Amino acid sequence: MEETEIVRFGVSMSRELVEQFDQMISGQGYGNRSEAIRDLVRKALIDPKRLQLEESVAGTIVIVYNHHLSDSLTDLQHHYHHEIVSTMHIHLNFHQCLEIIVVRGVLKRLAELQQRIQVLKNVIYAELSVTNIDADGEEHVHSDDCD
C-alpha cells in the first residue's frame, strides 16, 4: 500500500464543543481527535447526496415497517433484483419488522429504490447508506451510517 502524505491543519471551536467531542470519541474508543475527525470527513464524503448519480456504489437500505407491508415490499424488491445482493429480516415485535437490504449498483437506481420503499404505506423508516466503488474494484474506506 502506498504511503499517504499527512497534512496538519488547525480547527477552532468552543471549549464546550471540544469537551463534548472528546467525551464522545473517548466513549467510542478513539485514541485521539485526528482519527475521529478523519472518520467524520470520510463519512461526509460518501454521503449519497454528495456522490454522482451515475457512480457505482454498494451499501445497505435499512427499513423499519409494519409487518402488513411485506407483500408490497417483496414485489418492489423483485423489480430491483439486479441491485439487491441479500436481505435480512428481523421481527422487532408483533407489529414491527426491521429489514436490511444489501445493495450494489448505480447510485441513481439505489436511491430510487430507497425512495420507493420510503413512500410505501406502513414504512416507518428507510435509509440508504453507501460507499463508492473505484473503477479498479477497490472499495473506499467507510464508516457505518445507520443514524
Protein backbone atom coordinates (compact mmCIF):
# COMPACT_ATOMS: atom_id res chain seq x y z
CA MET A 1 0.00 0.00 0.00
CA GLU A 2 1.24 3.45 -0.93
CA GLU A 3 2.11 5.84 1.90
CA THR A 4 -0.08 8.94 2.06
CA GLU A 5 1.29 12.35 2.98
CA ILE A 6 -0.23 13.65 6.22
CA VAL A 7 -1.24 17.32 6.28
CA ARG A 8 -1.75 19.12 9.58
CA PHE A 9 -4.29 21.92 9.98
CA GLY A 10 -5.93 23.73 12.87
CA VAL A 11 -9.57 23.72 13.83
CA SER A 12 -11.12 26.32 16.13
CA MET A 13 -14.22 25.62 18.21
CA SER A 14 -15.65 26.44 21.60
CA ARG A 15 -14.22 24.71 24.66
CA GLU A 16 -17.65 23.23 25.43
CA LEU A 17 -17.89 21.68 21.96
CA VAL A 18 -14.34 20.27 22.23
CA GLU A 19 -15.13 18.77 25.63
CA GLN A 20 -18.31 17.15 24.29
CA PHE A 21 -16.41 15.85 21.27
CA ASP A 22 -13.60 14.45 23.45
CA GLN A 23 -16.14 12.70 25.69
CA MET A 24 -17.94 11.21 22.69
CA ILE A 25 -14.80 9.94 20.92
CA SER A 26 -13.33 8.59 24.14
CA GLY A 27 -16.51 6.56 24.63
CA GLN A 28 -16.15 5.22 21.09
CA GLY A 29 -12.55 4.13 21.71
CA TYR A 30 -10.66 6.71 19.64
CA GLY A 31 -7.10 7.35 20.82
CA ASN A 32 -7.03 10.90 19.51
CA ARG A 33 -9.08 13.62 17.81
CA SER A 34 -7.35 13.20 14.45
CA GLU A 35 -8.66 9.67 13.91
CA ALA A 36 -12.19 10.72 14.88
CA ILE A 37 -12.11 13.76 12.57
CA ARG A 38 -10.77 11.63 9.68
CA ASP A 39 -13.70 9.22 10.13
CA LEU A 40 -16.18 12.12 10.21
CA VAL A 41 -14.71 13.54 6.99
CA ARG A 42 -14.78 10.13 5.27
CA LYS A 43 -18.41 9.70 6.28
CA ALA A 44 -19.31 13.14 4.92
CA LEU A 45 -17.55 12.44 1.62
CA ILE A 46 -19.58 9.29 0.93
CA ASP A 47 -22.94 10.83 1.80
CA PRO A 48 -25.28 9.73 -1.01
CA LYS A 49 -26.24 13.39 -1.54
CA ARG A 50 -22.60 14.19 -2.48
CA LEU A 51 -21.94 11.30 -4.85
CA GLN A 52 -22.63 11.44 -8.58
CA LEU A 53 -25.88 9.66 -9.50
CA GLU A 54 -24.08 7.50 -12.10
CA GLU A 55 -21.40 6.25 -9.66
CA SER A 56 -21.17 2.56 -8.85
CA VAL A 57 -21.83 2.05 -5.16
CA ALA A 58 -22.52 -0.67 -2.63
CA GLY A 59 -24.32 -0.38 0.66
CA THR A 60 -27.48 -1.04 2.60
CA ILE A 61 -31.06 0.10 2.84
CA VAL A 62 -32.32 -0.24 6.41
CA ILE A 63 -36.09 -0.33 6.81
CA VAL A 64 -38.43 -0.41 9.79
CA TYR A 65 -42.04 -1.13 8.91
CA ASN A 66 -45.36 -2.57 9.99
CA HIS A 67 -45.44 -6.26 9.04
CA HIS A 68 -48.56 -5.76 6.87
CA LEU A 69 -46.25 -4.21 4.27
CA SER A 70 -44.36 -7.39 3.43
CA ASP A 71 -46.17 -8.24 0.14
CA SER A 72 -45.67 -4.73 -1.30
CA LEU A 73 -42.04 -4.74 -0.22
CA THR A 74 -41.38 -8.15 -1.74
CA ASP A 75 -42.94 -7.10 -5.06
CA LEU A 76 -40.77 -3.98 -5.12
CA GLN A 77 -37.64 -5.99 -4.29
CA HIS A 78 -38.33 -8.35 -7.20
CA HIS A 79 -38.41 -5.32 -9.52
CA TYR A 80 -34.88 -4.38 -8.31
CA HIS A 81 -33.47 -7.92 -8.11
CA HIS A 82 -30.32 -7.00 -10.09
CA GLU A 83 -29.35 -4.42 -7.45
CA ILE A 84 -30.21 -6.50 -4.36
CA VAL A 85 -27.41 -8.76 -3.16
CA SER A 86 -29.03 -10.05 0.04
CA THR A 87 -31.68 -9.28 2.65
CA MET A 88 -32.04 -9.89 6.35
CA HIS A 89 -35.44 -9.77 8.04
CA ILE A 90 -35.87 -9.32 11.79
CA HIS A 91 -39.10 -9.33 13.80
CA LEU A 92 -38.81 -6.47 16.31
CA ASN A 93 -42.15 -7.21 17.94
CA PHE A 94 -45.59 -8.47 16.90
CA HIS A 95 -46.22 -5.47 14.64
CA GLN A 96 -42.83 -4.15 13.53
CA CYS A 97 -40.11 -5.60 11.33
CA LEU A 98 -36.60 -4.43 10.53
CA GLU A 99 -35.14 -5.34 7.17
CA ILE A 100 -31.61 -4.81 5.93
CA ILE A 101 -31.17 -4.93 2.17
CA VAL A 102 -27.61 -5.20 0.86
CA VAL A 103 -27.43 -3.38 -2.47
CA ARG A 104 -24.91 -2.80 -5.25
CA GLY A 105 -25.27 -0.80 -8.44
CA VAL A 106 -25.65 2.70 -9.82
CA LEU A 107 -26.49 5.23 -7.07
CA LYS A 108 -29.41 6.68 -9.03
CA ARG A 109 -31.15 3.30 -9.17
CA LEU A 110 -30.47 2.52 -5.49
CA ALA A 111 -31.73 5.94 -4.40
CA GLU A 112 -34.84 5.33 -6.50
CA LEU A 113 -35.39 2.00 -4.71
CA GLN A 114 -34.96 3.63 -1.29
CA GLN A 115 -37.43 6.39 -2.18
CA ARG A 116 -40.00 3.90 -3.49
CA ILE A 117 -39.69 1.95 -0.23
CA GLN A 118 -39.91 5.13 1.89
CA VAL A 119 -43.28 6.12 0.42
CA LEU A 120 -44.92 2.72 0.90
CA LYS A 121 -47.75 2.73 3.42
CA ASN A 122 -46.62 1.42 6.83
CA VAL A 123 -42.92 2.23 6.32
CA ILE A 124 -41.65 3.99 9.44
CA TYR A 125 -38.03 4.43 8.39
CA ALA A 126 -35.96 3.78 5.25
CA GLU A 127 -32.34 4.91 4.96
CA LEU A 128 -29.79 4.31 2.20
CA SER A 129 -26.13 4.15 3.23
CA VAL A 130 -23.47 3.63 0.56
CA THR A 131 -19.80 3.68 -0.28
CA ASN A 132 -18.49 4.30 -3.77
CA ILE A 133 -16.56 1.64 -5.64
CA ASP A 134 -13.37 2.51 -7.53
CA ALA A 135 -13.16 1.57 -11.19
CA ASP A 136 -10.30 -0.83 -10.35
CA GLY A 137 -12.60 -2.71 -7.99
CA GLU A 138 -11.26 -1.45 -4.65
CA GLU A 139 -13.84 -0.03 -2.28
CA HIS A 140 -13.18 3.16 -0.34
CA VAL A 141 -12.84 3.03 3.44
CA HIS A 142 -16.14 3.97 5.03
CA SER A 143 -17.89 4.19 8.34
CA ASP A 144 -21.31 2.81 9.14
CA ASP A 145 -24.24 5.18 8.60
CA CYS A 146 -27.26 3.84 10.29
CA ASP A 147 -28.34 7.02 12.03
